[in-house]
Amino acid sequence: MPSPRHPDRRVNSVGAVVVLIGAPGAGKTRTGKRVARLLDVPFIDVDRRIVATHGPIADIFAAHGEPHFRAIERAEVVRALHERAVVTLGGGAVLDVDTQADLAAHRTVQLTVSPEAVEKRIVGGKRPLVADGIDAWSRLVATRQPIYDRLSQLTIDTSGQPLDRVARQIADWLESETL
């Protein structure tokens, strides 16, 4: 069941239609594609844009460190938020205070997932900050959770439901917000 917050917040008529944030492995990209299809708007995954321009994120971390990656990420977030699209951010993009401020002007949905459900999604993946498995993931999410909660107006747990249903919930919420 979705959990709405700040139902009176409205969005600017320009820029991102909705922004999906949340923990690594919560299903932001897969859900975002579905929402974009339902709304008939483009889809932007900030991490995929970074990879297309700069190469694999794990390689950026290894060669240049996290601060360098976060600077690249911030520039791509700014660009994406100015486009009329469904936008998904990497799990750590919300750590930037300027990104946090920017999200105040956008409808933002947090996707959550339980440790049990996410474990099979992240094992063997290329996520540098959770390469050590579910314990690393749990610690990472615990530190970011207050930021995710503060920035989102709607929270949906993706652990036990099809992502098509999650996407429909988001599309329905967006429609109700524009009435």
C-alpha atoms as a PDB file:
ATOM      1  CA  MET A   1       0.000   0.000   0.000  1.00  0.00           C
ATOM      2  CA  PRO A   2       1.492   3.365  -0.961  1.00  0.00           C
ATOM      3  CA  SER A   3       2.178   5.830   1.776  1.00  0.00           C
ATOM      4  CA  PRO A   4       1.596   9.456   0.689  1.00  0.00           C
ATOM      5  CA  ARG A   5       3.241  12.421   2.376  1.00  0.00           C
ATOM      6  CA  HIS A   6       2.814  16.134   1.789  1.00  0.00           C
ATOM      7  CA  PRO A   7      -0.248  15.678  -0.470  1.00  0.00           C
ATOM      8  CA  ASP A   8      -0.588  19.450  -0.905  1.00  0.00           C
ATOM      9  CA  ARG A   9       2.820  19.828  -2.617  1.00  0.00           C
ATOM     10  CA  ARG A  10       2.490  20.706  -6.307  1.00  0.00           C
ATOM     11  CA  VAL A  11       5.036  20.551  -9.064  1.00  0.00           C
ATOM     12  CA  ASN A  12       6.268  23.113 -11.541  1.00  0.00           C
ATOM     13  CA  SER A  13       4.902  22.674 -15.053  1.00  0.00           C
ATOM     14  CA  VAL A  14       8.430  22.301 -16.438  1.00  0.00           C
ATOM     15  CA  GLY A  15      11.042  19.688 -15.799  1.00  0.00           C
ATOM     16  CA  ALA A  16      10.724  16.160 -14.487  1.00  0.00           C
ATOM     17  CA  VAL A  17       7.227  14.696 -14.356  1.00  0.00           C
ATOM     18  CA  VAL A  18       8.234  12.566 -11.360  1.00  0.00           C
ATOM     19  CA  VAL A  19      11.525  11.557  -9.756  1.00  0.00           C
ATOM     20  CA  LEU A  20      12.081   8.097  -8.310  1.00  0.00           C
ATOM     21  CA  ILE A  21      14.530   7.774  -5.415  1.00  0.00           C
ATOM     22  CA  GLY A  22      15.389   5.031  -2.977  1.00  0.00           C
ATOM     23  CA  ALA A  23      17.743   2.267  -1.989  1.00  0.00           C
ATOM     24  CA  PRO A  24      19.920   0.420  -4.470  1.00  0.00           C
ATOM     25  CA  GLY A  25      17.968  -2.524  -5.837  1.00  0.00           C
ATOM     26  CA  ALA A  26      14.526  -1.128  -5.009  1.00  0.00           C
ATOM     27  CA  GLY A  27      13.469  -1.261  -8.668  1.00  0.00           C
ATOM     28  CA  LYS A  28      13.718   2.421  -9.586  1.00  0.00           C
ATOM     29  CA  THR A  29      14.883   1.887 -13.163  1.00  0.00           C
ATOM     30  CA  ARG A  30      12.484  -0.909 -14.034  1.00  0.00           C
ATOM     31  CA  THR A  31       9.569   0.923 -12.414  1.00  0.00           C
ATOM     32  CA  GLY A  32      10.546   4.245 -13.989  1.00  0.00           C
ATOM     33  CA  LYS A  33      10.426   2.738 -17.483  1.00  0.00           C
ATOM     34  CA  ARG A  34       6.932   1.426 -16.793  1.00  0.00           C
ATOM     35  CA  VAL A  35       5.710   4.765 -15.419  1.00  0.00           C
ATOM     36  CA  ALA A  36       7.109   6.594 -18.456  1.00  0.00           C
ATOM     37  CA  ARG A  37       5.279   4.179 -20.755  1.00  0.00           C
ATOM     38  CA  LEU A  38       2.010   4.676 -18.852  1.00  0.00           C
ATOM     39  CA  LEU A  39       2.369   8.464 -19.019  1.00  0.00           C
ATOM     40  CA  ASP A  40       3.720   8.479 -22.582  1.00  0.00           C
ATOM     41  CA  VAL A  41       6.751  10.575 -21.662  1.00  0.00           C
ATOM     42  CA  PRO A  42      10.493   9.927 -22.006  1.00  0.00           C
ATOM     43  CA  PHE A  43      12.441   8.027 -19.367  1.00  0.00           C
ATOM     44  CA  ILE A  44      15.799   9.161 -17.966  1.00  0.00           C
ATOM     45  CA  ASP A  45      17.977   7.016 -15.737  1.00  0.00           C
ATOM     46  CA  VAL A  46      20.767   9.248 -14.419  1.00  0.00           C
ATOM     47  CA  ASP A  47      23.097   6.308 -13.756  1.00  0.00           C
ATOM     48  CA  ARG A  48      22.693   5.065 -17.332  1.00  0.00           C
ATOM     49  CA  ARG A  49      23.503   8.524 -18.654  1.00  0.00           C
ATOM     50  CA  ILE A  50      26.663   8.535 -16.564  1.00  0.00           C
ATOM     51  CA  VAL A  51      27.683   5.110 -17.875  1.00  0.00           C
ATOM     52  CA  ALA A  52      26.998   6.151 -21.472  1.00  0.00           C
ATOM     53  CA  THR A  53      29.248   9.203 -21.147  1.00  0.00           C
ATOM     54  CA  HIS A  54      31.884   8.191 -18.596  1.00  0.00           C
ATOM     55  CA  GLY A  55      31.930   4.392 -18.489  1.00  0.00           C
ATOM     56  CA  PRO A  56      30.942   1.935 -15.757  1.00  0.00           C
ATOM     57  CA  ILE A  57      30.258   3.480 -12.362  1.00  0.00           C
ATOM     58  CA  ALA A  58      32.420   0.894 -10.598  1.00  0.00           C
ATOM     59  CA  ASP A  59      35.325   1.926 -12.850  1.00  0.00           C
ATOM     60  CA  ILE A  60      34.787   5.613 -12.046  1.00  0.00           C
ATOM     61  CA  PHE A  61      34.853   4.798  -8.318  1.00  0.00           C
ATOM     62  CA  ALA A  62      37.994   2.671  -8.719  1.00  0.00           C
ATOM     63  CA  ALA A  63      39.906   5.150 -10.875  1.00  0.00           C
ATOM     64  CA  HIS A  64      38.817   8.491  -9.413  1.00  0.00           C
ATOM     65  CA  GLY A  65      36.970   7.872  -6.124  1.00  0.00           C
ATOM     66  CA  GLU A  66      33.493   8.615  -4.897  1.00  0.00           C
ATOM     67  CA  PRO A  67      33.822  12.442  -4.795  1.00  0.00           C
ATOM     68  CA  HIS A  68      34.643  12.526  -8.517  1.00  0.00           C
ATOM     69  CA  PHE A  69      31.691  10.255  -9.262  1.00  0.00           C
ATOM     70  CA  ARG A  70      29.356  12.426  -7.169  1.00  0.00           C
ATOM     71  CA  ALA A  71      30.406  15.538  -9.117  1.00  0.00           C
ATOM     72  CA  ILE A  72      29.594  13.812 -12.419  1.00  0.00           C
ATOM     73  CA  GLU A  73      26.337  12.560 -10.946  1.00  0.00           C
ATOM     74  CA  ARG A  74      25.321  16.031  -9.762  1.00  0.00           C
ATOM     75  CA  ALA A  75      25.790  17.495 -13.244  1.00  0.00           C
ATOM     76  CA  GLU A  76      23.646  14.736 -14.769  1.00  0.00           C
ATOM     77  CA  VAL A  77      20.948  15.188 -12.110  1.00  0.00           C
ATOM     78  CA  VAL A  78      20.700  18.903 -12.916  1.00  0.00           C
ATOM     79  CA  ARG A  79      20.378  18.155 -16.610  1.00  0.00           C
ATOM     80  CA  ALA A  80      17.763  15.422 -16.105  1.00  0.00           C
ATOM     81  CA  LEU A  81      15.563  17.454 -13.739  1.00  0.00           C
ATOM     82  CA  HIS A  82      15.171  20.108 -16.434  1.00  0.00           C
ATOM     83  CA  GLU A  83      13.757  17.634 -18.943  1.00  0.00           C
ATOM     84  CA  ARG A  84      10.098  16.652 -19.189  1.00  0.00           C
ATOM     85  CA  ALA A  85      10.474  12.956 -18.301  1.00  0.00           C
ATOM     86  CA  VAL A  86      10.242  10.320 -15.630  1.00  0.00           C
ATOM     87  CA  VAL A  87      13.638  10.509 -13.903  1.00  0.00           C
ATOM     88  CA  THR A  88      15.341   7.900 -11.738  1.00  0.00           C
ATOM     89  CA  LEU A  89      18.261   8.801  -9.519  1.00  0.00           C
ATOM     90  CA  GLY A  90      20.970   6.517  -8.228  1.00  0.00           C
ATOM     91  CA  GLY A  91      20.557   5.645  -4.572  1.00  0.00           C
ATOM     92  CA  GLY A  92      23.236   8.094  -3.414  1.00  0.00           C
ATOM     93  CA  ALA A  93      22.312  11.068  -5.597  1.00  0.00           C
ATOM     94  CA  VAL A  94      20.176  12.439  -2.759  1.00  0.00           C
ATOM     95  CA  LEU A  95      23.260  12.904  -0.583  1.00  0.00           C
ATOM     96  CA  ASP A  96      24.043  16.142  -2.418  1.00  0.00           C
ATOM     97  CA  VAL A  97      22.424  19.096  -0.620  1.00  0.00           C
ATOM     98  CA  ASP A  98      21.829  20.928  -3.903  1.00  0.00           C
ATOM     99  CA  THR A  99      20.027  17.891  -5.291  1.00  0.00           C
ATOM    100  CA  GLN A 100      17.940  17.768  -2.118  1.00  0.00           C
ATOM    101  CA  ALA A 101      16.983  21.421  -2.644  1.00  0.00           C
ATOM    102  CA  ASP A 102      16.190  20.803  -6.328  1.00  0.00           C
ATOM    103  CA  LEU A 103      13.862  17.915  -5.485  1.00  0.00           C
ATOM    104  CA  ALA A 104      11.635  20.260  -3.474  1.00  0.00           C
ATOM    105  CA  ALA A 105      10.220  21.497  -6.794  1.00  0.00           C
ATOM    106  CA  HIS A 106       9.419  17.999  -8.083  1.00  0.00           C
ATOM    107  CA  ARG A 107       7.034  15.209  -7.254  1.00  0.00           C
ATOM    108  CA  THR A 108       9.279  12.591  -5.728  1.00  0.00           C
ATOM    109  CA  VAL A 109       8.480   8.948  -5.049  1.00  0.00           C
ATOM    110  CA  GLN A 110      10.564   6.725  -2.811  1.00  0.00           C
ATOM    111  CA  LEU A 111      10.724   3.033  -3.614  1.00  0.00           C
ATOM    112  CA  THR A 112      11.656   0.791  -0.706  1.00  0.00           C
ATOM    113  CA  VAL A 113      12.530  -2.879  -0.569  1.00  0.00           C
ATOM    114  CA  SER A 114      13.171  -5.325   2.251  1.00  0.00           C
ATOM    115  CA  PRO A 115      16.637  -6.804   2.804  1.00  0.00           C
ATOM    116  CA  GLU A 116      15.258 -10.258   2.001  1.00  0.00           C
ATOM    117  CA  ALA A 117      13.804  -9.151  -1.333  1.00  0.00           C
ATOM    118  CA  VAL A 118      16.799  -7.058  -2.371  1.00  0.00           C
ATOM    119  CA  GLU A 119      19.455  -9.646  -1.577  1.00  0.00           C
ATOM    120  CA  LYS A 120      18.868 -11.602  -4.781  1.00  0.00           C
ATOM    121  CA  ARG A 121      18.815  -8.349  -6.780  1.00  0.00           C
ATOM    122  CA  ILE A 122      22.218  -7.062  -5.646  1.00  0.00           C
ATOM    123  CA  VAL A 123      24.295 -10.237  -5.267  1.00  0.00           C
ATOM    124  CA  GLY A 124      27.065 -10.261  -7.857  1.00  0.00           C
ATOM    125  CA  GLY A 125      26.069  -6.861  -9.171  1.00  0.00           C
ATOM    126  CA  LYS A 126      28.217  -3.905 -10.087  1.00  0.00           C
ATOM    127  CA  ARG A 127      27.188  -1.588  -7.275  1.00  0.00           C
ATOM    128  CA  PRO A 128      30.450  -0.454  -5.685  1.00  0.00           C
ATOM    129  CA  LEU A 129      29.021   0.664  -2.349  1.00  0.00           C
ATOM    130  CA  VAL A 130      27.186  -2.618  -1.721  1.00  0.00           C
ATOM    131  CA  ALA A 131      29.748  -5.025  -3.152  1.00  0.00           C
ATOM    132  CA  ASP A 132      30.100  -6.577   0.312  1.00  0.00           C
ATOM    133  CA  GLY A 133      26.510  -7.837   0.246  1.00  0.00           C
ATOM    134  CA  ILE A 134      23.357  -7.395   2.248  1.00  0.00           C
ATOM    135  CA  ASP A 135      25.030  -6.139   5.443  1.00  0.00           C
ATOM    136  CA  ALA A 136      26.713  -3.315   3.510  1.00  0.00           C
ATOM    137  CA  TRP A 137      23.398  -2.586   1.782  1.00  0.00           C
ATOM    138  CA  SER A 138      21.539  -2.446   5.109  1.00  0.00           C
ATOM    139  CA  ARG A 139      24.081  -0.030   6.633  1.00  0.00           C
ATOM    140  CA  LEU A 140      24.008   2.162   3.527  1.00  0.00           C
ATOM    141  CA  VAL A 141      20.208   2.338   3.451  1.00  0.00           C
ATOM    142  CA  ALA A 142      19.989   3.047   7.189  1.00  0.00           C
ATOM    143  CA  THR A 143      22.174   6.137   6.785  1.00  0.00           C
ATOM    144  CA  ARG A 144      20.220   7.420   3.765  1.00  0.00           C
ATOM    145  CA  GLN A 145      16.690   6.562   4.917  1.00  0.00           C
ATOM    146  CA  PRO A 146      16.009   9.871   6.712  1.00  0.00           C
ATOM    147  CA  ILE A 147      16.910  11.752   3.521  1.00  0.00           C
ATOM    148  CA  TYR A 148      14.713   9.530   1.339  1.00  0.00           C
ATOM    149  CA  ASP A 149      11.833   9.993   3.790  1.00  0.00           C
ATOM    150  CA  ARG A 150      12.215  13.771   3.909  1.00  0.00           C
ATOM    151  CA  LEU A 151      12.378  14.193   0.132  1.00  0.00           C
ATOM    152  CA  SER A 152       9.521  11.943  -0.945  1.00  0.00           C
ATOM    153  CA  GLN A 153       5.819  12.643  -1.050  1.00  0.00           C
ATOM    154  CA  LEU A 154       4.906   9.011  -1.737  1.00  0.00           C
ATOM    155  CA  THR A 155       6.572   5.794  -0.578  1.00  0.00           C
ATOM    156  CA  ILE A 156       5.886   2.384  -2.092  1.00  0.00           C
ATOM    157  CA  ASP A 157       7.451  -0.910  -0.977  1.00  0.00           C
ATOM    158  CA  THR A 158       8.398  -2.996  -4.025  1.00  0.00           C
ATOM    159  CA  SER A 159       9.315  -6.122  -2.044  1.00  0.00           C
ATOM    160  CA  GLY A 160       6.253  -8.235  -2.724  1.00  0.00           C
ATOM    161  CA  GLN A 161       4.375  -6.745  -5.619  1.00  0.00           C
ATOM    162  CA  PRO A 162       4.814  -6.691  -9.395  1.00  0.00           C
ATOM    163  CA  LEU A 163       6.508  -3.548 -10.688  1.00  0.00           C
ATOM    164  CA  ASP A 164       3.644  -3.033 -13.155  1.00  0.00           C
ATOM    165  CA  ARG A 165       1.378  -2.550 -10.138  1.00  0.00           C
ATOM    166  CA  VAL A 166       3.882  -0.164  -8.528  1.00  0.00           C
ATOM    167  CA  ALA A 167       4.034   1.844 -11.761  1.00  0.00           C
ATOM    168  CA  ARG A 168       0.231   2.027 -11.931  1.00  0.00           C
ATOM    169  CA  GLN A 169       0.111   3.279  -8.311  1.00  0.00           C
ATOM    170  CA  ILE A 170       2.574   6.037  -9.187  1.00  0.00           C
ATOM    171  CA  ALA A 171       0.692   7.020 -12.346  1.00  0.00           C
ATOM    172  CA  ASP A 172      -2.603   7.100 -10.431  1.00  0.00           C
ATOM    173  CA  TRP A 173      -1.031   9.224  -7.690  1.00  0.00           C
ATOM    174  CA  LEU A 174       0.365  11.668 -10.250  1.00  0.00           C
ATOM    175  CA  GLU A 175      -3.045  11.961 -11.845  1.00  0.00           C
ATOM    176  CA  SER A 176      -4.692  12.639  -8.485  1.00  0.00           C
ATOM    177  CA  GLU A 177      -2.041  15.293  -7.716  1.00  0.00           C
ATOM    178  CA  THR A 178      -2.891  17.253 -10.866  1.00  0.00           C
ATOM    179  CA  LEU A 179      -6.640  17.436 -10.251  1.00  0.00           C
END
